[in-house]
Amino acid sequence: MSGGGADGVSGVSGDGGDARAFAKQIVAKQDEIVRGGAIPDPENPEKTINPKTAYPRVPLGAYLEGLLLEETYADQNEAARRYEQVAAWAPEFTQAKADVERARTSVHSQPGNGCVYVFAFVGRGPCKEQVYSPATQVSLLIADQIFSATNKYAVPPTVAPVPIPQIVVEPPRIACVSVEVDGERTATTETLADVNEMAVRQFEATKNQVVARAVVRRIVKKGTIYAAQQVGQVNEWVGLAANVAGVVWEATETADTRCWGLLPAQIQAARLELPVGERRLTLYPGNRDGERIGTPVETTVRVEPNRNVYVLVNYPDREPLGTVVTSSR
């Protein structure tokens, strides 16, 4: 984690303006991606479908916005609505239910207390590897729509398997991050966003489109080779070169497997309401029972009355990556 990450976390502890704008942008960007996913229905071009409506939502933005609204007492009802979004998008994140109840009926924290929110990046995120996928009927219909839009020809009814990028995930080796406050175990994080699961579900939702684009690329390549072979009927050396080039071209055909290398498998969070003052936090990776199974890290935070302190730690494995980042002054 770089200094930029620390600056980002520190920005949350100010008046919340920049942080709330960032949180809203996370939600807005997801809406934009989904809205832009409409395509002609492969089985009825007069209609449209949107495979991206199946995308799971990342609840991090809504959660951060709820935290900021609740802390500033700007709009408790709006804070509760943000927590309700989180509960709907991440039903396994049980903290959201308590957040909704607190925002509706109680206060940010009891007199003499403040809150510490621990965010943990856990595990190694999804990556891509090349696989060969058969062209399904739906993917061929989508490919035909794409190809016919710019050509007078149609996609053939059968196409050999094409290379596509397949999502590959590795289950995290740790289940949670446990938090000790002044030497006493106080809380464990729970999963707010399962990045691995989201990546797999997004891939499955748009796999037919991925295969369709690969089919179109192959057909365009074959068309180029065929055109060169037509020239080769006049010049046998050109024809031979075209055949050799075609074999090499197809043999080296690969899928685009570029992806983010620093994504976590999961984003986890925990809420701690603590007495005002300096508190020593010890964080360590834990198993399903919260027992220590890796190297701990420590940091000190200053808890202020009715305010939030944010802590970020990165555990791709049982050893931490970088240092703990906090918004504590």
Protein backbone atom coordinates (compact mmCIF):
# COMPACT_ATOMS: atom_id res chain seq x y z
CA MET A 1 0.00 0.00 0.00
CA SER A 2 1.40 3.32 -1.05
CA GLY A 3 1.15 6.77 0.38
CA GLY A 4 -1.73 7.42 -2.01
CA GLY A 5 -3.72 4.76 -0.18
CA ALA A 6 -2.99 6.44 3.12
CA ASP A 7 -4.08 9.79 1.73
CA GLY A 8 -7.32 8.19 0.55
CA VAL A 9 -8.09 6.76 3.96
CA SER A 10 -7.12 10.00 5.69
CA GLY A 11 -9.50 11.91 3.45
CA VAL A 12 -12.42 10.00 4.94
CA SER A 13 -11.73 11.50 8.35
CA GLY A 14 -12.15 15.12 7.31
CA ASP A 15 -15.54 16.66 6.63
CA GLY A 16 -16.39 13.63 4.50
CA GLY A 17 -17.10 15.63 1.35
CA ASP A 18 -14.49 14.08 -0.91
CA ALA A 19 -15.01 10.63 0.57
CA ARG A 20 -18.77 10.76 0.11
CA ALA A 21 -18.35 11.91 -3.49
CA PHE A 22 -16.02 8.96 -4.06
CA ALA A 23 -18.51 6.57 -2.43
CA LYS A 24 -21.35 7.87 -4.61
CA GLN A 25 -19.14 7.50 -7.68
CA ILE A 26 -18.66 3.79 -6.93
CA VAL A 27 -22.42 3.26 -7.02
CA ALA A 28 -22.94 5.53 -10.05
CA LYS A 29 -20.22 3.77 -12.05
CA GLN A 30 -21.85 0.40 -11.47
CA ASP A 31 -25.18 1.81 -12.65
CA GLU A 32 -23.47 3.17 -15.77
CA ILE A 33 -21.84 -0.19 -16.57
CA VAL A 34 -25.14 -2.04 -16.24
CA ARG A 35 -27.07 0.51 -18.32
CA GLY A 36 -24.49 0.20 -21.09
CA GLY A 37 -24.88 -3.57 -21.32
CA ALA A 38 -27.97 -3.69 -23.56
CA ILE A 39 -27.51 -5.66 -26.81
CA PRO A 40 -29.92 -6.89 -29.52
CA ASP A 41 -31.64 -10.12 -28.53
CA PRO A 42 -29.81 -12.86 -30.51
CA GLU A 43 -33.11 -14.68 -31.06
CA ASN A 44 -35.16 -11.57 -31.83
CA PRO A 45 -33.09 -8.60 -33.11
CA GLU A 46 -36.11 -6.28 -32.73
CA LYS A 47 -35.79 -6.61 -28.96
CA THR A 48 -32.88 -6.01 -26.60
CA ILE A 49 -31.50 -7.93 -23.65
CA ASN A 50 -29.05 -6.85 -20.98
CA PRO A 51 -26.88 -9.68 -19.59
CA LYS A 52 -25.19 -7.20 -17.22
CA THR A 53 -28.32 -6.89 -15.10
CA ALA A 54 -27.13 -10.18 -13.59
CA TYR A 55 -23.96 -8.49 -12.32
CA PRO A 56 -23.68 -8.60 -8.52
CA ARG A 57 -23.26 -5.16 -6.98
CA VAL A 58 -20.20 -4.02 -5.04
CA PRO A 59 -21.64 -2.74 -1.72
CA LEU A 60 -18.49 -0.86 -0.65
CA GLY A 61 -19.62 2.55 -1.96
CA ALA A 62 -23.06 2.34 -0.35
CA TYR A 63 -21.50 1.19 2.93
CA LEU A 64 -18.99 4.05 3.06
CA GLU A 65 -21.71 6.57 2.26
CA GLY A 66 -23.84 5.16 5.08
CA LEU A 67 -20.94 5.45 7.54
CA LEU A 68 -20.31 9.08 6.61
CA LEU A 69 -23.98 10.06 6.74
CA GLU A 70 -24.42 8.44 10.12
CA GLU A 71 -21.29 10.01 11.60
CA THR A 72 -22.26 13.54 10.58
CA TYR A 73 -25.96 13.08 11.42
CA ALA A 74 -26.61 14.67 8.02
CA ASP A 75 -29.50 12.33 7.23
CA GLN A 76 -30.07 9.27 9.40
CA ASN A 77 -32.88 7.98 7.19
CA GLU A 78 -30.61 8.20 4.15
CA ALA A 79 -27.87 6.39 6.09
CA ALA A 80 -30.35 3.62 6.91
CA ARG A 81 -31.29 3.35 3.22
CA ARG A 82 -27.64 2.93 2.27
CA TYR A 83 -27.26 0.17 4.85
CA GLU A 84 -30.39 -1.47 3.46
CA GLN A 85 -28.75 -1.48 0.03
CA VAL A 86 -25.72 -3.19 1.55
CA ALA A 87 -27.92 -5.78 3.24
CA ALA A 88 -29.66 -6.50 -0.08
CA TRP A 89 -26.43 -6.70 -2.11
CA ALA A 90 -24.44 -8.63 0.51
CA PRO A 91 -26.94 -10.64 2.61
CA GLU A 92 -24.13 -12.63 4.24
CA PHE A 93 -22.71 -9.41 5.74
CA THR A 94 -24.65 -9.58 9.00
CA GLN A 95 -23.29 -6.27 10.32
CA ALA A 96 -25.53 -4.43 7.83
CA LYS A 97 -28.68 -5.51 9.68
CA ALA A 98 -27.34 -4.01 12.92
CA ASP A 99 -26.35 -0.87 11.01
CA VAL A 100 -29.89 -0.43 9.66
CA GLU A 101 -31.40 -0.85 13.13
CA ARG A 102 -28.93 1.58 14.71
CA ALA A 103 -29.45 4.24 12.05
CA ARG A 104 -33.25 3.94 12.37
CA THR A 105 -33.59 3.86 16.15
CA SER A 106 -30.36 4.77 17.94
CA VAL A 107 -27.27 6.97 17.70
CA HIS A 108 -23.87 6.71 16.05
CA SER A 109 -22.21 5.75 19.33
CA GLN A 110 -22.88 6.02 23.03
CA PRO A 111 -21.60 9.06 24.99
CA GLY A 112 -17.86 8.83 25.57
CA ASN A 113 -17.37 6.43 22.66
CA GLY A 114 -16.32 6.53 19.04
CA CYS A 115 -16.13 3.92 16.28
CA VAL A 116 -13.25 2.13 14.58
CA TYR A 117 -13.95 0.52 11.22
CA VAL A 118 -11.42 -2.09 10.12
CA PHE A 119 -11.33 -2.90 6.41
CA ALA A 120 -9.28 -5.90 5.29
CA PHE A 121 -8.24 -6.98 1.80
CA VAL A 122 -8.11 -10.76 2.12
CA GLY A 123 -6.67 -13.32 -0.29
CA ARG A 124 -5.54 -12.99 -3.89
CA GLY A 125 -8.05 -11.79 -6.42
CA PRO A 126 -9.22 -13.32 -9.69
CA CYS A 127 -6.97 -13.70 -12.70
CA LYS A 128 -7.47 -14.90 -16.28
CA GLU A 129 -6.09 -17.81 -18.22
CA GLN A 130 -6.69 -18.88 -21.78
CA VAL A 131 -9.10 -21.72 -22.56
CA TYR A 132 -10.72 -22.92 -25.77
CA SER A 133 -14.48 -22.59 -25.79
CA PRO A 134 -16.93 -24.09 -28.29
CA ALA A 135 -19.13 -21.60 -30.09
CA THR A 136 -22.65 -22.02 -28.72
CA GLN A 137 -25.76 -21.27 -30.75
CA VAL A 138 -26.33 -18.04 -28.84
CA SER A 139 -22.72 -16.87 -29.27
CA LEU A 140 -22.92 -17.60 -33.02
CA LEU A 141 -26.12 -15.55 -33.28
CA ILE A 142 -24.45 -12.65 -31.46
CA ALA A 143 -21.35 -12.99 -33.68
CA ASP A 144 -23.56 -12.95 -36.77
CA GLN A 145 -25.16 -9.68 -35.60
CA ILE A 146 -21.73 -8.11 -35.01
CA PHE A 147 -20.31 -9.37 -38.31
CA SER A 148 -23.35 -8.54 -40.42
CA ALA A 149 -23.32 -4.94 -39.17
CA THR A 150 -20.16 -4.23 -41.19
CA ASN A 151 -20.15 -7.00 -43.82
CA LYS A 152 -22.52 -8.49 -46.35
CA TYR A 153 -21.56 -12.01 -45.32
CA ALA A 154 -22.92 -14.19 -42.53
CA VAL A 155 -21.16 -16.21 -39.85
CA PRO A 156 -20.88 -19.93 -40.77
CA PRO A 157 -23.14 -22.29 -38.78
CA THR A 158 -20.21 -24.06 -37.11
CA VAL A 159 -16.89 -22.70 -35.87
CA ALA A 160 -14.03 -24.54 -34.22
CA PRO A 161 -13.43 -23.76 -30.51
CA VAL A 162 -11.96 -20.29 -30.03
CA PRO A 163 -9.54 -18.98 -27.37
CA ILE A 164 -11.16 -16.86 -24.67
CA PRO A 165 -10.01 -15.55 -21.26
CA GLN A 166 -11.40 -17.70 -18.44
CA ILE A 167 -11.72 -16.33 -14.88
CA VAL A 168 -9.64 -18.32 -12.39
CA VAL A 169 -10.05 -17.86 -8.64
CA GLU A 170 -8.12 -19.14 -5.65
CA PRO A 171 -9.97 -19.47 -2.32
CA PRO A 172 -8.34 -17.30 0.37
CA ARG A 173 -6.10 -19.18 2.77
CA ILE A 174 -7.41 -17.12 5.67
CA ALA A 175 -11.03 -16.73 6.69
CA CYS A 176 -10.97 -13.37 8.47
CA VAL A 177 -8.87 -10.79 10.26
CA SER A 178 -9.19 -10.74 14.04
CA VAL A 179 -8.82 -7.51 15.98
CA GLU A 180 -7.41 -7.17 19.48
CA VAL A 181 -7.85 -3.87 21.31
CA ASP A 182 -5.27 -3.22 24.05
CA GLY A 183 -4.50 -6.94 24.14
CA GLU A 184 -8.12 -8.15 24.28
CA ARG A 185 -9.73 -9.83 21.29
CA THR A 186 -12.69 -7.68 20.34
CA ALA A 187 -13.93 -8.42 16.81
CA THR A 188 -13.38 -10.31 13.58
CA THR A 189 -14.01 -9.07 10.07
CA GLU A 190 -16.72 -10.51 7.84
CA THR A 191 -17.04 -10.44 4.08
CA LEU A 192 -18.53 -7.25 2.67
CA ALA A 193 -17.69 -8.00 -0.98
CA ASP A 194 -16.58 -11.35 -2.44
CA VAL A 195 -14.53 -10.15 -5.41
CA ASN A 196 -13.83 -13.68 -6.66
CA GLU A 197 -17.51 -14.59 -6.76
CA MET A 198 -18.38 -11.30 -8.46
CA ALA A 199 -15.76 -11.86 -11.17
CA VAL A 200 -17.04 -15.38 -11.90
CA ARG A 201 -20.68 -14.29 -12.06
CA GLN A 202 -19.87 -11.33 -14.31
CA PHE A 203 -17.92 -13.60 -16.66
CA GLU A 204 -20.76 -16.13 -16.85
CA ALA A 205 -23.27 -13.35 -17.55
CA THR A 206 -21.35 -12.12 -20.62
CA LYS A 207 -19.56 -15.30 -21.73
CA ASN A 208 -21.64 -15.59 -24.92
CA GLN A 209 -20.55 -12.08 -25.93
CA VAL A 210 -16.89 -12.91 -25.20
CA VAL A 211 -17.12 -16.04 -27.37
CA ALA A 212 -18.95 -14.10 -30.09
CA ARG A 213 -16.18 -11.49 -30.32
CA ALA A 214 -13.57 -14.26 -30.53
CA VAL A 215 -15.56 -15.89 -33.36
CA VAL A 216 -15.69 -12.59 -35.25
CA ARG A 217 -11.93 -12.09 -34.84
CA ARG A 218 -11.29 -15.57 -36.24
CA ILE A 219 -13.59 -15.03 -39.21
CA VAL A 220 -11.95 -11.69 -40.02
CA LYS A 221 -8.53 -13.38 -39.91
CA LYS A 222 -9.69 -16.19 -42.17
CA GLY A 223 -11.17 -13.63 -44.55
CA THR A 224 -7.83 -11.84 -44.73
CA ILE A 225 -6.01 -15.11 -45.40
CA TYR A 226 -8.57 -16.11 -48.03
CA ALA A 227 -8.11 -12.77 -49.83
CA ALA A 228 -4.35 -13.31 -49.86
CA GLN A 229 -4.82 -16.83 -51.25
CA GLN A 230 -6.96 -15.41 -54.03
CA VAL A 231 -4.01 -13.24 -55.01
CA GLY A 232 -1.86 -16.35 -54.76
CA GLN A 233 -3.75 -17.96 -57.60
CA VAL A 234 -1.94 -15.48 -59.82
CA ASN A 235 1.41 -15.69 -58.02
CA GLU A 236 2.20 -19.11 -56.49
CA TRP A 237 4.83 -17.60 -54.17
CA VAL A 238 2.25 -15.23 -52.73
CA GLY A 239 -0.14 -18.17 -52.30
CA LEU A 240 2.48 -20.23 -50.47
CA ALA A 241 3.35 -17.30 -48.20
CA ALA A 242 -0.35 -16.75 -47.47
CA ASN A 243 -0.82 -20.41 -46.48
CA VAL A 244 2.23 -20.37 -44.21
CA ALA A 245 1.20 -17.05 -42.67
CA GLY A 246 -2.31 -18.38 -42.10
CA VAL A 247 -1.05 -21.44 -40.24
CA VAL A 248 1.25 -19.31 -38.06
CA TRP A 249 -1.47 -16.74 -37.45
CA GLU A 250 -3.97 -19.31 -36.23
CA ALA A 251 -1.35 -21.19 -34.21
CA THR A 252 -0.43 -18.01 -32.32
CA GLU A 253 -4.01 -16.85 -31.77
CA THR A 254 -4.42 -16.03 -28.09
CA ALA A 255 -6.99 -14.56 -25.73
CA ASP A 256 -6.45 -11.29 -23.87
CA THR A 257 -5.65 -12.40 -20.32
CA ARG A 258 -4.60 -9.00 -18.97
CA CYS A 259 -6.18 -8.20 -15.60
CA TRP A 260 -5.65 -6.30 -12.36
CA GLY A 261 -2.85 -7.93 -10.35
CA LEU A 262 -3.56 -6.42 -6.92
CA LEU A 263 -7.25 -7.21 -6.43
CA PRO A 264 -8.13 -9.05 -3.22
CA ALA A 265 -10.30 -12.15 -3.16
CA GLN A 266 -12.55 -10.49 -0.59
CA ILE A 267 -13.12 -7.11 1.03
CA GLN A 268 -13.97 -7.61 4.69
CA ALA A 269 -15.01 -5.18 7.43
CA ALA A 270 -15.61 -4.98 11.17
CA ARG A 271 -17.12 -2.28 13.38
CA LEU A 272 -15.82 -1.59 16.89
CA GLU A 273 -17.40 0.93 19.26
CA LEU A 274 -14.64 1.91 21.73
CA PRO A 275 -14.08 4.39 24.56
CA VAL A 276 -12.43 7.68 23.62
CA GLY A 277 -8.64 7.80 23.76
CA GLU A 278 -5.61 6.11 22.25
CA ARG A 279 -6.10 2.41 21.51
CA ARG A 280 -3.54 -0.17 20.45
CA LEU A 281 -4.88 -2.48 17.76
CA THR A 282 -3.37 -5.84 16.90
CA LEU A 283 -4.64 -7.39 13.69
CA TYR A 284 -3.90 -10.92 12.54
CA PRO A 285 -5.22 -13.40 9.97
CA GLY A 286 -7.53 -16.00 11.45
CA ASN A 287 -9.29 -19.25 10.63
CA ARG A 288 -13.06 -19.69 10.71
CA ASP A 289 -12.95 -19.58 14.51
CA GLY A 290 -10.91 -16.37 14.49
CA GLU A 291 -7.80 -18.14 15.82
CA ARG A 292 -4.43 -16.75 14.77
CA ILE A 293 -2.84 -18.49 11.77
CA GLY A 294 -0.45 -15.83 10.51
CA THR A 295 1.72 -12.83 11.26
CA PRO A 296 0.07 -9.99 13.25
CA VAL A 297 0.47 -6.27 12.67
CA GLU A 298 -0.04 -3.44 15.13
CA THR A 299 -1.14 0.18 14.97
CA THR A 300 -2.35 2.86 17.34
CA VAL A 301 -5.48 4.93 16.73
CA ARG A 302 -7.02 7.86 18.54
CA VAL A 303 -10.73 7.35 19.11
CA GLU A 304 -12.70 10.61 19.24
CA PRO A 305 -16.22 11.07 20.62
CA ASN A 306 -18.95 10.20 18.10
CA ARG A 307 -16.43 10.06 15.24
CA ASN A 308 -15.18 7.30 12.93
CA VAL A 309 -11.63 6.05 12.58
CA TYR A 310 -10.78 3.89 9.56
CA VAL A 311 -8.13 1.19 9.40
CA LEU A 312 -7.02 -0.68 6.28
CA VAL A 313 -4.89 -3.84 6.23
CA ASN A 314 -3.93 -6.14 3.35
CA TYR A 315 -3.53 -9.89 3.87
CA PRO A 316 -3.15 -11.64 0.48
CA ASP A 317 -1.90 -14.64 2.48
CA ARG A 318 -0.83 -15.30 6.05
CA GLU A 319 1.78 -12.55 5.79
CA PRO A 320 0.65 -8.91 5.56
CA LEU A 321 1.40 -6.83 2.49
CA GLY A 322 2.63 -3.31 3.27
CA THR A 323 1.78 -1.51 6.47
CA VAL A 324 -1.46 -0.69 8.24
CA VAL A 325 -3.09 2.49 6.94
CA THR A 326 -5.26 4.55 9.31
CA SER A 327 -7.18 7.80 9.22
CA SER A 328 -6.29 8.50 12.86
CA ARG A 329 -4.76 11.91 13.45
